[in-house]
C-alpha atoms as a PDB file:
ATOM      1  CA  VAL A   1      58.596  12.972  24.837  1.00  0.00           C
ATOM      2  CA  ARG A   2      58.789  10.128  22.374  1.00  0.00           C
ATOM      3  CA  GLN A   3      56.482  11.085  19.814  1.00  0.00           C
ATOM      4  CA  TRP A   4      55.061  14.246  18.163  1.00  0.00           C
ATOM      5  CA  SER A   5      51.605  14.955  16.480  1.00  0.00           C
ATOM      6  CA  ASP A   6      50.318  17.938  14.395  1.00  0.00           C
ATOM      7  CA  GLY A   7      46.662  16.824  15.357  1.00  0.00           C
ATOM      8  CA  HIS A   8      46.016  16.621  11.416  1.00  0.00           C
ATOM      9  CA  GLY A   9      47.401  13.136  11.007  1.00  0.00           C
ATOM     10  CA  PHE A  10      51.214  13.778  10.603  1.00  0.00           C
ATOM     11  CA  SER A  11      53.031  12.390  13.453  1.00  0.00           C
ATOM     12  CA  LEU A  12      56.837  11.299  14.388  1.00  0.00           C
ATOM     13  CA  LYS A  13      57.819   9.256  16.790  1.00  0.00           C
ATOM     14  CA  VAL A  14      61.353   8.123  18.199  1.00  0.00           C
ATOM     15  CA  GLY A  15      62.762   5.554  15.853  1.00  0.00           C
ATOM     16  CA  ASP A  16      60.922   6.564  12.729  1.00  0.00           C
ATOM     17  CA  SER A  17      62.938   6.359   9.582  1.00  0.00           C
ATOM     18  CA  VAL A  18      62.399   9.819   7.780  1.00  0.00           C
ATOM     19  CA  ASP A  19      63.607  10.900   4.149  1.00  0.00           C
ATOM     20  CA  VAL A  20      64.266  14.464   3.518  1.00  0.00           C
ATOM     21  CA  ARG A  21      61.898  15.859   0.392  1.00  0.00           C
ATOM     22  CA  SER A  22      63.159  19.294   0.055  1.00  0.00           C
ATOM     23  CA  GLN A  23      66.364  20.927   1.433  1.00  0.00           C
ATOM     24  CA  PHE A  24      66.168  22.864   4.730  1.00  0.00           C
ATOM     25  CA  LYS A  25      68.852  24.272   7.151  1.00  0.00           C
ATOM     26  CA  SER A  26      69.860  22.187  10.468  1.00  0.00           C
ATOM     27  CA  ALA A  27      68.724  23.622  13.727  1.00  0.00           C
ATOM     28  CA  ASN A  28      71.899  22.783  15.400  1.00  0.00           C
ATOM     29  CA  LYS A  29      73.134  25.934  17.300  1.00  0.00           C
ATOM     30  CA  GLY A  30      75.995  27.652  15.069  1.00  0.00           C
ATOM     31  CA  SER A  31      75.305  25.420  12.116  1.00  0.00           C
ATOM     32  CA  SER A  32      74.777  26.585   8.522  1.00  0.00           C
ATOM     33  CA  THR A  33      74.528  22.893   7.374  1.00  0.00           C
ATOM     34  CA  LEU A  34      71.665  22.446   4.884  1.00  0.00           C
ATOM     35  CA  LEU A  35      70.065  19.131   4.877  1.00  0.00           C
ATOM     36  CA  ASP A  36      69.559  17.895   1.045  1.00  0.00           C
ATOM     37  CA  ALA A  37      66.696  15.954  -0.302  1.00  0.00           C
ATOM     38  CA  GLY A  38      67.440  12.331  -0.216  1.00  0.00           C
ATOM     39  CA  HIS A  39      68.972  12.203   3.136  1.00  0.00           C
ATOM     40  CA  ARG A  40      67.732   9.449   5.462  1.00  0.00           C
ATOM     41  CA  GLY A  41      67.536   9.580   8.990  1.00  0.00           C
ATOM     42  CA  SER A  42      66.368   7.885  12.371  1.00  0.00           C
ATOM     43  CA  VAL A  43      64.298  10.255  14.792  1.00  0.00           C
ATOM     44  CA  VAL A  44      66.342   9.914  18.180  1.00  0.00           C
ATOM     45  CA  GLU A  45      64.479  12.251  20.604  1.00  0.00           C
ATOM     46  CA  PHE A  46      62.167  15.387  20.840  1.00  0.00           C
ATOM     47  CA  ASP A  47      62.785  18.322  22.895  1.00  0.00           C
ATOM     48  CA  THR A  48      59.565  20.001  25.246  1.00  0.00           C
ATOM     49  CA  ASP A  49      59.121  22.401  22.148  1.00  0.00           C
ATOM     50  CA  GLY A  50      58.417  19.221  19.680  1.00  0.00           C
ATOM     51  CA  ASP A  51      61.726  19.978  17.615  1.00  0.00           C
ATOM     52  CA  ALA A  52      63.358  16.534  16.739  1.00  0.00           C
ATOM     53  CA  GLU A  53      66.977  15.508  16.706  1.00  0.00           C
ATOM     54  CA  ILE A  54      67.334  13.149  13.914  1.00  0.00           C
ATOM     55  CA  ASP A  55      70.550  10.785  13.119  1.00  0.00           C
ATOM     56  CA  PHE A  56      71.569  11.174   9.493  1.00  0.00           C
ATOM     57  CA  GLY A  57      74.225   8.644   9.647  1.00  0.00           C
ATOM     58  CA  ASP A  58      77.276   9.884   7.946  1.00  0.00           C
ATOM     59  CA  ASN A  59      75.632  13.386   7.821  1.00  0.00           C
ATOM     60  CA  GLY A  60      75.686  13.494  11.673  1.00  0.00           C
ATOM     61  CA  LYS A  61      72.864  14.351  14.064  1.00  0.00           C
ATOM     62  CA  HIS A  62      70.765  17.215  13.718  1.00  0.00           C
ATOM     63  CA  TRP A  63      68.252  19.091  15.224  1.00  0.00           C
ATOM     64  CA  VAL A  64      65.119  19.709  12.947  1.00  0.00           C
ATOM     65  CA  PHE A  65      62.382  22.484  13.845  1.00  0.00           C
ATOM     66  CA  ARG A  66      59.036  21.191  13.895  1.00  0.00           C
ATOM     67  CA  SER A  67      58.265  23.742  11.409  1.00  0.00           C
ATOM     68  CA  ASN A  68      60.690  21.962   8.812  1.00  0.00           C
ATOM     69  CA  PHE A  69      58.553  18.589   9.703  1.00  0.00           C
ATOM     70  CA  GLN A  70      56.624  19.128   6.093  1.00  0.00           C
ATOM     71  CA  ASN A  71      60.131  19.004   4.431  1.00  0.00           C
ATOM     72  CA  LEU A  72      60.342  15.214   5.779  1.00  0.00           C
ATOM     73  CA  MET A  73      58.551  12.104   4.586  1.00  0.00           C
ATOM     74  CA  VAL A  74      58.066   9.227   7.307  1.00  0.00           C
ATOM     75  CA  ASP A  75      58.690   5.773   5.881  1.00  0.00           C
ATOM     76  CA  HIS A  76      55.756   4.029   7.624  1.00  0.00           C
ATOM     77  CA  GLY A  77      56.882   0.663   6.599  1.00  0.00           C
ATOM     78  CA  HIS A  78      58.597   0.123  10.229  1.00  0.00           C
ATOM     79  CA  ARG A  79      55.387   1.301  11.779  1.00  0.00           C
ATOM     80  CA  ILE A  80      53.397  -1.034   9.701  1.00  0.00           C
ATOM     81  CA  ALA A  81      55.527  -4.266  10.470  1.00  0.00           C
ATOM     82  CA  GLU A  82      55.020  -3.458  14.012  1.00  0.00           C
ATOM     83  CA  GLU A  83      51.447  -3.406  13.888  1.00  0.00           C
ATOM     84  CA  LEU A  84      51.176  -6.396  11.643  1.00  0.00           C
ATOM     85  CA  HIS A  85      53.515  -8.279  14.056  1.00  0.00           C
ATOM     86  CA  ALA A  86      51.393  -7.478  17.112  1.00  0.00           C
ATOM     87  CA  LEU A  87      48.387  -8.723  15.002  1.00  0.00           C
ATOM     88  CA  ALA A  88      49.899 -12.078  14.159  1.00  0.00           C
ATOM     89  CA  GLU A  89      51.061 -12.931  17.641  1.00  0.00           C
ATOM     90  CA  GLN A  90      47.494 -12.012  18.916  1.00  0.00           C
ATOM     91  CA  ASP A  91      44.927 -14.838  19.781  1.00  0.00           C
ATOM     92  CA  GLY A  92      41.593 -14.697  19.055  1.00  0.00           C
ATOM     93  CA  MET A  93      39.538 -12.096  17.020  1.00  0.00           C
ATOM     94  CA  ILE A  94      40.841  -8.652  15.676  1.00  0.00           C
ATOM     95  CA  ASP A  95      40.288  -5.409  17.320  1.00  0.00           C
ATOM     96  CA  PRO A  96      38.404  -3.507  14.546  1.00  0.00           C
ATOM     97  CA  ALA A  97      40.345  -0.351  15.671  1.00  0.00           C
ATOM     98  CA  GLN A  98      43.527  -1.887  15.254  1.00  0.00           C
ATOM     99  CA  LEU A  99      42.434  -3.296  11.693  1.00  0.00           C
ATOM    100  CA  VAL A 100      41.365   0.055  10.676  1.00  0.00           C
ATOM    101  CA  ARG A 101      44.587   1.612  11.993  1.00  0.00           C
ATOM    102  CA  VAL A 102      46.844  -0.818   9.835  1.00  0.00           C
ATOM    103  CA  LEU A 103      44.634  -0.312   6.700  1.00  0.00           C
ATOM    104  CA  ARG A 104      45.009   3.343   7.290  1.00  0.00           C
ATOM    105  CA  MET A 105      48.505   3.317   7.728  1.00  0.00           C
ATOM    106  CA  LEU A 106      48.531   1.231   4.144  1.00  0.00           C
ATOM    107  CA  GLY A 107      46.505   3.759   2.695  1.00  0.00           C
ATOM    108  CA  VAL A 108      43.956   1.226   1.592  1.00  0.00           C
ATOM    109  CA  ALA A 109      41.264   1.354   4.276  1.00  0.00           C
ATOM    110  CA  GLU A 110      38.456   2.566   2.306  1.00  0.00           C
ATOM    111  CA  ARG A 111      39.068   0.125  -0.625  1.00  0.00           C
ATOM    112  CA  LEU A 112      39.747  -3.076   1.735  1.00  0.00           C
ATOM    113  CA  LEU A 113      37.427  -2.497   4.348  1.00  0.00           C
ATOM    114  CA  THR A 114      34.281  -3.148   1.959  1.00  0.00           C
ATOM    115  CA  ARG A 115      36.043  -6.175   1.030  1.00  0.00           C
ATOM    116  CA  ILE A 116      36.218  -7.632   4.464  1.00  0.00           C
ATOM    117  CA  PRO A 117      32.799  -9.735   5.235  1.00  0.00           C
ATOM    118  CA  SER A 118      32.764  -9.419   9.082  1.00  0.00           C
ATOM    119  CA  ILE A 119      35.679  -7.939  10.931  1.00  0.00           C
ATOM    120  CA  GLY A 120      34.673  -9.311  14.055  1.00  0.00           C
ATOM    121  CA  ARG A 121      34.697 -13.102  12.747  1.00  0.00           C
ATOM    122  CA  ARG A 122      38.199 -12.967  11.423  1.00  0.00           C
ATOM    123  CA  SER A 123      41.172 -14.197  13.481  1.00  0.00           C
ATOM    124  CA  ALA A 124      44.110 -11.809  13.599  1.00  0.00           C
ATOM    125  CA  ARG A 125      46.459 -14.815  11.850  1.00  0.00           C
ATOM    126  CA  ASP A 126      43.878 -15.058   9.237  1.00  0.00           C
ATOM    127  CA  PHE A 127      43.842 -11.401   8.622  1.00  0.00           C
ATOM    128  CA  VAL A 128      47.953 -11.185   8.457  1.00  0.00           C
ATOM    129  CA  GLY A 129      47.753 -13.786   5.829  1.00  0.00           C
ATOM    130  CA  TRP A 130      45.137 -12.104   3.953  1.00  0.00           C
ATOM    131  CA  LEU A 131      46.760  -9.103   3.977  1.00  0.00           C
ATOM    132  CA  TRP A 132      50.266 -11.043   2.881  1.00  0.00           C
ATOM    133  CA  GLN A 133      48.419 -12.188  -0.322  1.00  0.00           C
ATOM    134  CA  GLY A 134      46.397  -9.103  -1.162  1.00  0.00           C
ATOM    135  CA  VAL A 135      48.400  -5.524  -0.452  1.00  0.00           C
ATOM    136  CA  ASP A 136      51.268  -3.898  -1.951  1.00  0.00           C
ATOM    137  CA  LEU A 137      53.410  -2.672   1.026  1.00  0.00           C
ATOM    138  CA  PRO A 138      56.427  -0.376   1.474  1.00  0.00           C
ATOM    139  CA  SER A 139      59.578  -2.392   1.066  1.00  0.00           C
ATOM    140  CA  THR A 140      60.400  -1.755   4.593  1.00  0.00           C
ATOM    141  CA  ALA A 141      57.432  -3.468   5.809  1.00  0.00           C
ATOM    142  CA  VAL A 142      58.757  -6.974   6.870  1.00  0.00           C
ATOM    143  CA  LEU A 143      55.848  -8.916   7.441  1.00  0.00           C
ATOM    144  CA  PRO A 144      55.378 -12.075   9.917  1.00  0.00           C
ATOM    145  CA  GLU A 145      54.937 -15.249   8.042  1.00  0.00           C
ATOM    146  CA  PRO A 146      51.143 -16.228   7.760  1.00  0.00           C
END
């Protein structure tokens, strides 16, 4: 399994960076380790139950029960960067579904969709250039040059 979703908008996938928002206990067998707020990790894998193994660097790898996913915050900067790099490499016009997905990740879909006169008439490269100038992105979202 490469990703997990709760069906209500929260999802994790292998490679996602996560921050611990509130302390919880590691699910490693025989462990009483508490993962404290502020720890940063990267999702390594999921088991068949949807629990995640997360590498917390110096704090080691820990299994996290999906019931504790509420204690994690996903850093969407990397996902946004992947989507925008894919858009920038595209020739031709933007797929409206892809555009909406990127804008929702940025949390600006409703505000910005009304400012784009015609989605179908914008090239992907023009759109990335437009985003480059007009949106505050998470610091981890490294954008392609317009």
